[in-house]
Amino acid sequence: MRGPGVTTATSIAPDQPSLARRSASWLHRHARVRLGLLLAAPAAWLVIVYLGSLLLFFSNAFWQRDEFTGHIIREFTLESFAELADAPYPEITLRTVMMAVAVTITCALIAFPIAYYMARVASRRMRAFLVVAVVVPLWASYVIKAYSWRLVLAEEGVLNWLLEPLGLRGPGQGVIAVWLVLSYLWLPYMILPVYAGLERIPNSFLEASADLGGRSMTTFRRVILPLAMPAVIAGSIFTFSLTLGDYIAPTLVSNTIFIGNAIFLNVGAAGDIPFAAAYSLVPLAIIVVYLFVARRLGAFEAL
């Protein structure tokens, strides 16, 4: 029996951390696992829905189509790839690649002075206004913009109405119309990367060039242009790849067939899915080669 005033030392066990707290502590120590869990859902969506559907479509390239019934015969064959060498598909491929190159060069020539003014000359308020002016057209519907150009380039369109007093005519609806429309559509995708690349050039580089006696054109040619070239190449990835696969604008403003039109016609009107799948691998291969070249030129460092 304990007397008064005598206290008993009791030991109180500390609270055990909950499972959620232990899991959070473990994830905090393992950053890679945390990142993997964070990206698991979107990565699964990309692999299963996007890449999976593409893989299923491309697998049709190794099958064949029954000419009489139109049914797909699931037997391995390379007949669809052999048809790619038949006319007019080599000509269509060359025409599409040349259009993609022409649109890319046009966008680069137009975008560079605009981006340079935005990054190096314009005030902060004007720069913000120009950035918004470049981004806002991307919010408009692609089809509306392309169809508006169809109305502008029509025989009774606005362009011919403006040129008629001068005795001139517009290009009408053809290859030149496709070049104009695609250059207009993809121009913002070139301006924004070039603007970001020019904005990152330190002013100290330009001051050093001036201290060494470099004039404006010398500084532009030997300092600004080499440093901005990766950004230009990064922008060209968008303009080149988007032009290579586009088929809506060429359909709206011309009757000329490009790769996208040929694939669309074989899927829809002809119902020749194996050949369409085989032809789809052509722009994919071209883009992969282009991306490899762009990576060697440092384009991914500018993104």
Protein backbone atom coordinates (compact mmCIF):
# COMPACT_ATOMS: atom_id res chain seq x y z
CA MET A 1 0.00 0.00 0.00
CA ARG A 2 1.38 3.32 -1.02
CA GLY A 3 1.33 6.24 1.31
CA PRO A 4 0.03 9.68 0.48
CA GLY A 5 2.19 11.86 -1.66
CA VAL A 6 3.77 8.91 -3.41
CA THR A 7 3.28 8.96 -7.13
CA THR A 8 3.56 6.06 -9.47
CA ALA A 9 5.66 6.42 -12.63
CA THR A 10 3.50 5.33 -15.48
CA SER A 11 4.85 4.85 -18.99
CA ILE A 12 2.62 6.13 -21.78
CA ALA A 13 3.28 4.46 -25.11
CA PRO A 14 3.68 6.95 -27.97
CA ASP A 15 1.00 6.98 -30.62
CA GLN A 16 1.81 4.71 -33.56
CA PRO A 17 1.83 6.57 -36.90
CA SER A 18 -1.06 5.72 -39.15
CA LEU A 19 -0.65 3.79 -42.38
CA ALA A 20 -1.35 6.91 -44.41
CA ARG A 21 1.33 8.84 -42.55
CA ARG A 22 3.88 6.04 -42.97
CA SER A 23 3.05 5.82 -46.68
CA ALA A 24 3.40 9.58 -47.12
CA SER A 25 6.74 9.53 -45.30
CA TRP A 26 7.99 6.69 -47.47
CA LEU A 27 6.88 8.45 -50.67
CA HIS A 28 8.54 11.63 -49.51
CA ARG A 29 11.88 9.76 -49.32
CA HIS A 30 11.40 8.15 -52.75
CA ALA A 31 10.90 10.95 -55.26
CA ARG A 32 11.04 8.70 -58.32
CA VAL A 33 8.29 6.45 -57.04
CA ARG A 34 6.18 9.52 -56.26
CA LEU A 35 6.72 10.84 -59.78
CA GLY A 36 5.90 7.45 -61.28
CA LEU A 37 2.61 7.21 -59.40
CA LEU A 38 1.75 10.76 -60.42
CA LEU A 39 2.32 9.99 -64.10
CA ALA A 40 0.84 6.48 -64.05
CA ALA A 41 -2.72 7.47 -65.00
CA PRO A 42 -1.89 9.81 -67.94
CA ALA A 43 0.82 7.40 -69.12
CA ALA A 44 -1.67 4.53 -69.10
CA TRP A 45 -4.13 6.65 -71.06
CA LEU A 46 -1.44 7.50 -73.61
CA VAL A 47 -0.28 3.92 -74.03
CA ILE A 48 -3.65 2.19 -74.06
CA VAL A 49 -5.91 4.68 -75.82
CA TYR A 50 -3.56 6.66 -78.09
CA LEU A 51 -0.61 4.41 -78.87
CA GLY A 52 -2.78 1.31 -78.68
CA SER A 53 -5.21 2.59 -81.29
CA LEU A 54 -2.33 3.62 -83.55
CA LEU A 55 -0.73 0.20 -83.19
CA LEU A 56 -3.98 -1.51 -84.10
CA PHE A 57 -4.37 0.74 -87.13
CA PHE A 58 -0.80 0.25 -88.30
CA SER A 59 -1.13 -3.52 -87.92
CA ASN A 60 -3.68 -3.39 -90.75
CA ALA A 61 -0.82 -2.47 -93.09
CA PHE A 62 0.31 -6.10 -93.04
CA TRP A 63 -3.10 -7.46 -93.99
CA GLN A 64 -4.89 -7.36 -97.32
CA ARG A 65 -8.29 -6.44 -98.63
CA ASP A 66 -10.47 -8.75 -100.67
CA GLU A 67 -11.19 -6.90 -103.92
CA PHE A 68 -14.52 -8.69 -104.42
CA THR A 69 -16.10 -8.52 -100.96
CA GLY A 70 -14.09 -5.62 -99.51
CA HIS A 71 -13.44 -7.58 -96.33
CA ILE A 72 -10.08 -7.50 -94.55
CA ILE A 73 -8.14 -10.76 -94.83
CA ARG A 74 -5.93 -11.11 -91.75
CA GLU A 75 -3.02 -12.82 -93.41
CA PHE A 76 0.48 -11.39 -93.37
CA THR A 77 1.42 -9.69 -96.63
CA LEU A 78 3.47 -6.75 -97.90
CA GLU A 79 1.24 -5.99 -100.87
CA SER A 80 0.12 -2.64 -99.43
CA PHE A 81 3.73 -1.49 -99.11
CA ALA A 82 4.45 -2.58 -102.67
CA GLU A 83 1.56 -0.40 -103.88
CA LEU A 84 3.26 2.67 -102.41
CA ALA A 85 5.72 2.60 -105.31
CA ASP A 86 2.90 2.77 -107.86
CA ALA A 87 1.82 6.09 -109.37
CA PRO A 88 0.72 8.58 -108.20
CA TYR A 89 1.83 7.95 -104.62
CA PRO A 90 5.55 8.83 -104.96
CA GLU A 91 4.49 12.13 -106.56
CA ILE A 92 1.98 12.77 -103.76
CA THR A 93 4.63 12.10 -101.13
CA LEU A 94 7.13 14.42 -102.78
CA ARG A 95 4.50 17.13 -103.18
CA THR A 96 3.55 16.90 -99.52
CA VAL A 97 7.15 17.05 -98.31
CA MET A 98 7.89 20.05 -100.52
CA MET A 99 4.77 21.79 -99.21
CA ALA A 100 5.85 21.11 -95.63
CA VAL A 101 9.29 22.56 -96.36
CA ALA A 102 7.81 25.62 -98.09
CA VAL A 103 5.38 26.30 -95.23
CA THR A 104 8.16 25.88 -92.66
CA ILE A 105 10.50 28.29 -94.44
CA THR A 106 7.70 30.83 -94.91
CA CYS A 107 6.69 30.69 -91.26
CA ALA A 108 10.33 31.05 -90.15
CA LEU A 109 10.90 34.11 -92.35
CA ILE A 110 7.72 35.79 -91.12
CA ALA A 111 8.00 34.73 -87.49
CA PHE A 112 11.59 35.75 -86.84
CA PRO A 113 11.19 39.54 -87.20
CA ILE A 114 7.91 39.45 -85.28
CA ALA A 115 9.46 37.41 -82.47
CA TYR A 116 12.58 39.60 -82.46
CA TYR A 117 10.50 42.74 -82.05
CA MET A 118 8.50 41.13 -79.26
CA ALA A 119 11.56 39.89 -77.37
CA ARG A 120 14.17 42.62 -77.91
CA VAL A 121 12.43 45.87 -78.94
CA ALA A 122 8.84 46.11 -77.71
CA SER A 123 7.97 47.58 -74.32
CA ARG A 124 6.57 45.29 -71.64
CA ARG A 125 2.99 46.37 -72.32
CA MET A 126 3.36 46.03 -76.08
CA ARG A 127 5.04 42.66 -75.62
CA ALA A 128 2.10 41.39 -73.58
CA PHE A 129 -0.32 42.68 -76.21
CA LEU A 130 1.58 40.95 -79.02
CA VAL A 131 1.77 37.67 -77.15
CA VAL A 132 -1.99 37.75 -76.69
CA ALA A 133 -2.44 38.68 -80.36
CA VAL A 134 -0.39 35.63 -81.38
CA VAL A 135 -2.15 33.24 -79.00
CA VAL A 136 -5.77 34.33 -79.56
CA PRO A 137 -6.02 32.93 -83.14
CA LEU A 138 -5.22 29.49 -81.71
CA TRP A 139 -8.52 29.62 -79.82
CA ALA A 140 -10.53 29.99 -83.01
CA SER A 141 -11.83 26.91 -84.78
CA TYR A 142 -9.44 25.43 -87.33
CA VAL A 143 -12.26 24.72 -89.77
CA ILE A 144 -13.60 28.28 -89.52
CA LYS A 145 -10.18 29.76 -90.28
CA ALA A 146 -9.58 27.42 -93.22
CA TYR A 147 -13.06 27.98 -94.63
CA SER A 148 -12.61 31.75 -94.30
CA TRP A 149 -9.59 31.49 -96.56
CA ARG A 150 -11.71 29.53 -99.03
CA LEU A 151 -14.07 32.51 -99.21
CA VAL A 152 -11.16 34.98 -99.49
CA LEU A 153 -9.50 33.05 -102.35
CA ALA A 154 -12.69 32.29 -104.29
CA GLU A 155 -13.17 33.73 -107.77
CA GLU A 156 -15.68 36.22 -106.40
CA GLY A 157 -13.81 36.57 -103.12
CA VAL A 158 -12.35 39.54 -101.31
CA LEU A 159 -8.83 39.10 -102.71
CA ASN A 160 -9.88 39.28 -106.36
CA TRP A 161 -12.16 42.22 -105.54
CA LEU A 162 -9.18 44.12 -104.10
CA LEU A 163 -6.83 43.20 -106.97
CA GLU A 164 -9.30 43.81 -109.80
CA PRO A 165 -8.68 47.60 -110.02
CA LEU A 166 -4.96 46.80 -110.50
CA GLY A 167 -5.66 44.33 -113.27
CA LEU A 168 -4.45 41.43 -111.16
CA ARG A 169 -5.98 38.17 -109.99
CA GLY A 170 -5.44 36.10 -106.88
CA PRO A 171 -3.92 32.63 -106.89
CA GLY A 172 -7.34 31.00 -106.86
CA GLN A 173 -7.79 27.61 -105.28
CA GLY A 174 -4.78 25.38 -105.84
CA VAL A 175 -1.33 24.57 -104.53
CA ILE A 176 -0.48 28.22 -103.82
CA ALA A 177 -3.72 28.57 -101.88
CA VAL A 178 -2.76 25.56 -99.75
CA TRP A 179 0.65 27.13 -99.09
CA LEU A 180 -0.96 30.43 -98.01
CA VAL A 181 -3.56 28.82 -95.77
CA LEU A 182 -1.16 26.44 -94.02
CA SER A 183 1.42 29.20 -93.51
CA TYR A 184 -1.29 31.30 -91.87
CA LEU A 185 -2.57 28.45 -89.72
CA TRP A 186 0.80 27.32 -88.35
CA LEU A 187 2.52 30.72 -88.01
CA PRO A 188 1.79 31.05 -84.24
CA TYR A 189 3.47 27.69 -83.66
CA MET A 190 6.67 29.20 -85.06
CA ILE A 191 6.41 32.63 -83.43
CA LEU A 192 6.10 31.40 -79.85
CA PRO A 193 9.19 29.12 -79.75
CA VAL A 194 11.33 31.71 -81.56
CA TYR A 195 10.12 34.41 -79.18
CA ALA A 196 11.01 32.24 -76.18
CA GLY A 197 14.44 31.51 -77.64
CA LEU A 198 15.22 35.15 -78.37
CA GLU A 199 14.02 36.24 -74.95
CA ARG A 200 16.50 33.88 -73.27
CA ILE A 201 19.54 35.44 -74.97
CA PRO A 202 21.38 37.45 -72.27
CA ASN A 203 21.87 41.14 -72.97
CA SER A 204 25.48 40.72 -71.87
CA PHE A 205 26.17 38.75 -75.05
CA LEU A 206 25.01 41.66 -77.19
CA GLU A 207 26.96 44.14 -75.07
CA ALA A 208 30.08 42.02 -75.40
CA SER A 209 29.69 41.93 -79.16
CA ALA A 210 29.33 45.72 -79.25
CA ASP A 211 32.41 46.14 -77.02
CA LEU A 212 34.40 44.01 -79.45
CA GLY A 213 33.43 46.28 -82.33
CA GLY A 214 30.63 44.20 -83.79
CA ARG A 215 28.05 46.15 -85.74
CA SER A 216 24.34 45.42 -85.67
CA MET A 217 24.35 43.03 -88.61
CA THR A 218 27.50 41.31 -87.38
CA THR A 219 25.94 40.82 -83.94
CA PHE A 220 22.78 39.49 -85.51
CA ARG A 221 24.60 37.10 -87.82
CA ARG A 222 27.22 35.80 -85.39
CA VAL A 223 25.48 36.03 -82.01
CA ILE A 224 21.69 36.26 -82.20
CA LEU A 225 21.04 33.96 -85.15
CA PRO A 226 23.17 31.02 -83.93
CA LEU A 227 21.65 31.24 -80.44
CA ALA A 228 18.10 31.49 -81.82
CA MET A 229 18.50 28.73 -84.42
CA PRO A 230 17.55 25.88 -82.01
CA ALA A 231 14.29 27.72 -81.29
CA VAL A 232 13.63 28.11 -85.02
CA ILE A 233 14.22 24.39 -85.53
CA ALA A 234 11.93 23.65 -82.58
CA GLY A 235 9.20 25.71 -84.21
CA SER A 236 9.80 23.96 -87.51
CA ILE A 237 8.91 20.65 -85.86
CA PHE A 238 5.36 21.93 -85.42
CA THR A 239 4.98 23.53 -88.84
CA PHE A 240 6.57 20.63 -90.71
CA SER A 241 4.70 17.81 -88.96
CA LEU A 242 1.32 19.61 -88.97
CA THR A 243 1.62 20.34 -92.69
CA LEU A 244 2.68 16.79 -93.43
CA GLY A 245 -0.49 15.31 -92.02
CA ASP A 246 -3.08 17.97 -92.80
CA TYR A 247 -5.89 17.11 -95.18
CA ILE A 248 -8.75 19.49 -94.27
CA ALA A 249 -7.23 22.74 -95.56
CA PRO A 250 -6.09 21.19 -98.87
CA THR A 251 -9.60 19.82 -99.34
CA LEU A 252 -11.22 23.21 -98.70
CA VAL A 253 -9.00 25.39 -100.90
CA SER A 254 -7.82 23.05 -103.67
CA ASN A 255 -8.34 19.78 -105.47
CA THR A 256 -4.70 18.80 -105.10
CA ILE A 257 -4.07 15.51 -103.33
CA PHE A 258 -1.59 15.33 -100.46
CA ILE A 259 -0.69 12.44 -98.17
CA GLY A 260 -3.48 13.21 -95.72
CA ASN A 261 -6.05 13.37 -98.52
CA ALA A 262 -4.85 10.06 -99.99
CA ILE A 263 -5.09 8.34 -96.61
CA PHE A 264 -8.53 9.82 -95.96
CA LEU A 265 -9.84 8.74 -99.36
CA ASN A 266 -8.56 5.20 -98.94
CA VAL A 267 -10.13 4.89 -95.50
CA GLY A 268 -13.48 6.45 -96.46
CA ALA A 269 -14.37 6.25 -100.14
CA ALA A 270 -12.24 3.28 -101.19
CA GLY A 271 -12.42 1.41 -97.89
CA ASP A 272 -8.88 0.13 -98.40
CA ILE A 273 -7.76 0.28 -94.77
CA PRO A 274 -4.61 -1.87 -95.25
CA PHE A 275 -3.22 0.49 -97.86
CA ALA A 276 -4.21 3.56 -95.84
CA ALA A 277 -2.40 2.10 -92.83
CA ALA A 278 0.68 1.37 -94.91
CA TYR A 279 0.67 4.89 -96.36
CA SER A 280 0.28 6.33 -92.84
CA LEU A 281 3.68 4.91 -91.98
CA VAL A 282 5.30 7.11 -94.63
CA PRO A 283 4.71 10.49 -92.90
CA LEU A 284 5.46 8.82 -89.57
CA ALA A 285 8.86 7.70 -90.87
CA ILE A 286 9.54 11.16 -92.32
CA ILE A 287 8.68 12.83 -89.01
CA VAL A 288 10.90 10.42 -87.06
CA VAL A 289 13.85 11.27 -89.33
CA TYR A 290 13.06 14.98 -89.01
CA LEU A 291 12.92 14.73 -85.22
CA PHE A 292 16.28 12.95 -85.18
CA VAL A 293 17.86 15.72 -87.27
CA ALA A 294 16.20 18.39 -85.12
CA ARG A 295 17.54 16.74 -81.98
CA ARG A 296 21.06 16.72 -83.38
CA LEU A 297 20.69 20.45 -84.08
CA GLY A 298 19.68 21.17 -80.48
CA ALA A 299 15.98 21.86 -81.06
CA PHE A 300 14.81 20.00 -77.94
CA GLU A 301 16.97 22.21 -75.74
CA ALA A 302 14.93 25.21 -76.88
CA LEU A 303 11.57 23.67 -75.96
